[in-house]
Amino acid sequence: MASMLCNIGAGDEVTVQGPGSIRRLAAREAIRFGHKIALEHILKGNPIVKYGVPIGFATASAQPGEWIHLHNCRSKVNERSSGFDPTTGDARDTTYV
């Protein structure tokens, strides 16, 4: 998995450079700056790994090029994140006045 360095649209080609390798894949959907993209097939229940560190678990399977966010990942770092709205990121357990 990798974090986006800019906004991309569905079908845009993404280039991922790692130690000694360059990989290209097409985004399956729009992904915003800072959000994550699956680099390989991720099965439901498997760890979501960012920079070699498990940060959560897949709540749904994902294909390479798919957006990884609250709608398909449960955070291991912050258990509260599972209570956020998957579209807006707003907390569901907080009332705003």
C-alpha atoms as a PDB file:
ATOM      1  CA  MET A   1       0.000   0.000   0.000  1.00  0.00           C
ATOM      2  CA  ALA A   2       1.172   3.529  -0.707  1.00  0.00           C
ATOM      3  CA  SER A   3      -0.040   7.039   0.135  1.00  0.00           C
ATOM      4  CA  MET A   4      -0.938   9.388  -2.704  1.00  0.00           C
ATOM      5  CA  LEU A   5       1.210  12.478  -3.218  1.00  0.00           C
ATOM      6  CA  CYS A   6      -1.523  14.194  -5.261  1.00  0.00           C
ATOM      7  CA  ASN A   7      -5.190  13.745  -6.176  1.00  0.00           C
ATOM      8  CA  ILE A   8      -5.755  11.151  -8.922  1.00  0.00           C
ATOM      9  CA  GLY A   9      -8.756  10.054 -10.937  1.00  0.00           C
ATOM     10  CA  ALA A  10     -10.103   6.635 -11.813  1.00  0.00           C
ATOM     11  CA  GLY A  11      -7.949   5.111 -14.556  1.00  0.00           C
ATOM     12  CA  ASP A  12      -4.950   7.375 -13.885  1.00  0.00           C
ATOM     13  CA  GLU A  13      -1.605   5.581 -13.908  1.00  0.00           C
ATOM     14  CA  VAL A  14       0.275   5.643 -10.613  1.00  0.00           C
ATOM     15  CA  THR A  15       4.025   5.140 -10.383  1.00  0.00           C
ATOM     16  CA  VAL A  16       5.330   3.722  -7.098  1.00  0.00           C
ATOM     17  CA  GLN A  17       9.047   3.772  -6.470  1.00  0.00           C
ATOM     18  CA  GLY A  18      10.506   1.572  -3.780  1.00  0.00           C
ATOM     19  CA  PRO A  19      14.012   0.463  -2.892  1.00  0.00           C
ATOM     20  CA  GLY A  20      15.387  -0.858  -6.170  1.00  0.00           C
ATOM     21  CA  SER A  21      12.027  -1.063  -7.936  1.00  0.00           C
ATOM     22  CA  ILE A  22       9.511   1.003  -9.865  1.00  0.00           C
ATOM     23  CA  ARG A  23       5.940  -0.211 -10.231  1.00  0.00           C
ATOM     24  CA  ARG A  24       3.045   1.182 -12.254  1.00  0.00           C
ATOM     25  CA  LEU A  25      -0.645   0.473 -11.804  1.00  0.00           C
ATOM     26  CA  ALA A  26      -3.955   2.059 -12.732  1.00  0.00           C
ATOM     27  CA  ALA A  27      -6.145   3.566 -10.037  1.00  0.00           C
ATOM     28  CA  ARG A  28      -9.543   1.842  -9.981  1.00  0.00           C
ATOM     29  CA  GLU A  29     -11.220   4.926  -8.496  1.00  0.00           C
ATOM     30  CA  ALA A  30     -10.460   8.533  -7.575  1.00  0.00           C
ATOM     31  CA  ILE A  31      -8.075   8.791  -4.620  1.00  0.00           C
ATOM     32  CA  ARG A  32      -7.288  12.036  -2.804  1.00  0.00           C
ATOM     33  CA  PHE A  33      -3.912  13.349  -1.693  1.00  0.00           C
ATOM     34  CA  GLY A  34      -2.666  11.525   1.412  1.00  0.00           C
ATOM     35  CA  HIS A  35      -5.064   8.613   1.033  1.00  0.00           C
ATOM     36  CA  LYS A  36      -3.850   5.063   0.390  1.00  0.00           C
ATOM     37  CA  ILE A  37      -3.901   2.827  -2.688  1.00  0.00           C
ATOM     38  CA  ALA A  38      -3.681  -0.974  -2.669  1.00  0.00           C
ATOM     39  CA  LEU A  39      -0.558  -2.217  -4.449  1.00  0.00           C
ATOM     40  CA  GLU A  40      -1.589  -5.871  -4.331  1.00  0.00           C
ATOM     41  CA  HIS A  41      -4.692  -7.958  -3.678  1.00  0.00           C
ATOM     42  CA  ILE A  42      -5.700  -7.646  -0.020  1.00  0.00           C
ATOM     43  CA  LEU A  43      -8.027 -10.236   1.469  1.00  0.00           C
ATOM     44  CA  LYS A  44     -10.667  -9.333   4.052  1.00  0.00           C
ATOM     45  CA  GLY A  45      -9.148  -9.714   7.528  1.00  0.00           C
ATOM     46  CA  ASN A  46      -5.553  -9.361   6.361  1.00  0.00           C
ATOM     47  CA  PRO A  47      -3.330  -6.627   7.751  1.00  0.00           C
ATOM     48  CA  ILE A  48      -3.067  -3.267   5.990  1.00  0.00           C
ATOM     49  CA  VAL A  49       0.642  -2.432   5.910  1.00  0.00           C
ATOM     50  CA  LYS A  50       2.046   1.082   5.376  1.00  0.00           C
ATOM     51  CA  TYR A  51       5.804   1.607   5.179  1.00  0.00           C
ATOM     52  CA  GLY A  52       6.300  -1.911   6.566  1.00  0.00           C
ATOM     53  CA  VAL A  53       4.111  -1.296   9.633  1.00  0.00           C
ATOM     54  CA  PRO A  54       0.672  -2.900  10.082  1.00  0.00           C
ATOM     55  CA  ILE A  55      -1.758   0.003  10.581  1.00  0.00           C
ATOM     56  CA  GLY A  56      -5.063  -1.856  10.397  1.00  0.00           C
ATOM     57  CA  PHE A  57      -7.078  -4.734   9.023  1.00  0.00           C
ATOM     58  CA  ALA A  58      -9.067  -5.048   5.800  1.00  0.00           C
ATOM     59  CA  THR A  59     -12.810  -5.098   6.475  1.00  0.00           C
ATOM     60  CA  ALA A  60     -13.355  -5.974   2.788  1.00  0.00           C
ATOM     61  CA  SER A  61     -11.119  -7.429   0.099  1.00  0.00           C
ATOM     62  CA  ALA A  62      -9.388  -4.922  -2.215  1.00  0.00           C
ATOM     63  CA  GLN A  63      -7.773  -5.232  -5.633  1.00  0.00           C
ATOM     64  CA  PRO A  64      -4.583  -3.453  -6.734  1.00  0.00           C
ATOM     65  CA  GLY A  65      -5.430   0.173  -7.536  1.00  0.00           C
ATOM     66  CA  GLU A  66      -8.337   0.441  -5.089  1.00  0.00           C
ATOM     67  CA  TRP A  67      -8.674   3.202  -2.511  1.00  0.00           C
ATOM     68  CA  ILE A  68      -7.907   2.044   1.041  1.00  0.00           C
ATOM     69  CA  HIS A  69      -9.750   4.094   3.648  1.00  0.00           C
ATOM     70  CA  LEU A  70     -12.396   3.846   6.381  1.00  0.00           C
ATOM     71  CA  HIS A  71     -14.863   2.002   4.135  1.00  0.00           C
ATOM     72  CA  ASN A  72     -12.563  -1.048   3.832  1.00  0.00           C
ATOM     73  CA  CYS A  73      -9.985  -0.711   6.629  1.00  0.00           C
ATOM     74  CA  ARG A  74     -10.291  -0.802  10.414  1.00  0.00           C
ATOM     75  CA  SER A  75      -7.508   1.108  12.091  1.00  0.00           C
ATOM     76  CA  LYS A  76      -5.112  -0.683  14.411  1.00  0.00           C
ATOM     77  CA  VAL A  77      -3.627   2.664  15.408  1.00  0.00           C
ATOM     78  CA  ASN A  78      -6.854   4.352  16.499  1.00  0.00           C
ATOM     79  CA  GLU A  79      -9.805   2.142  17.396  1.00  0.00           C
ATOM     80  CA  ARG A  80     -12.089   5.191  17.318  1.00  0.00           C
ATOM     81  CA  SER A  81     -11.568   5.541  13.552  1.00  0.00           C
ATOM     82  CA  SER A  82     -14.074   2.753  12.907  1.00  0.00           C
ATOM     83  CA  GLY A  83     -16.751   5.200  14.124  1.00  0.00           C
ATOM     84  CA  PHE A  84     -15.948   7.811  11.463  1.00  0.00           C
ATOM     85  CA  ASP A  85     -18.175   8.425   8.460  1.00  0.00           C
ATOM     86  CA  PRO A  86     -16.386   6.677   5.561  1.00  0.00           C
ATOM     87  CA  THR A  87     -17.106   9.504   3.104  1.00  0.00           C
ATOM     88  CA  THR A  88     -16.513  12.649   5.143  1.00  0.00           C
ATOM     89  CA  GLY A  89     -14.300  11.326   7.946  1.00  0.00           C
ATOM     90  CA  ASP A  90     -16.591  13.004  10.530  1.00  0.00           C
ATOM     91  CA  ALA A  91     -16.848  11.291  13.895  1.00  0.00           C
ATOM     92  CA  ARG A  92     -20.232   9.596  14.386  1.00  0.00           C
ATOM     93  CA  ASP A  93     -19.891   9.652  18.175  1.00  0.00           C
ATOM     94  CA  THR A  94     -19.677  13.438  18.472  1.00  0.00           C
ATOM     95  CA  THR A  95     -22.495  15.980  18.315  1.00  0.00           C
ATOM     96  CA  TYR A  96     -21.618  19.325  16.769  1.00  0.00           C
ATOM     97  CA  VAL A  97     -23.491  22.457  17.892  1.00  0.00           C
END
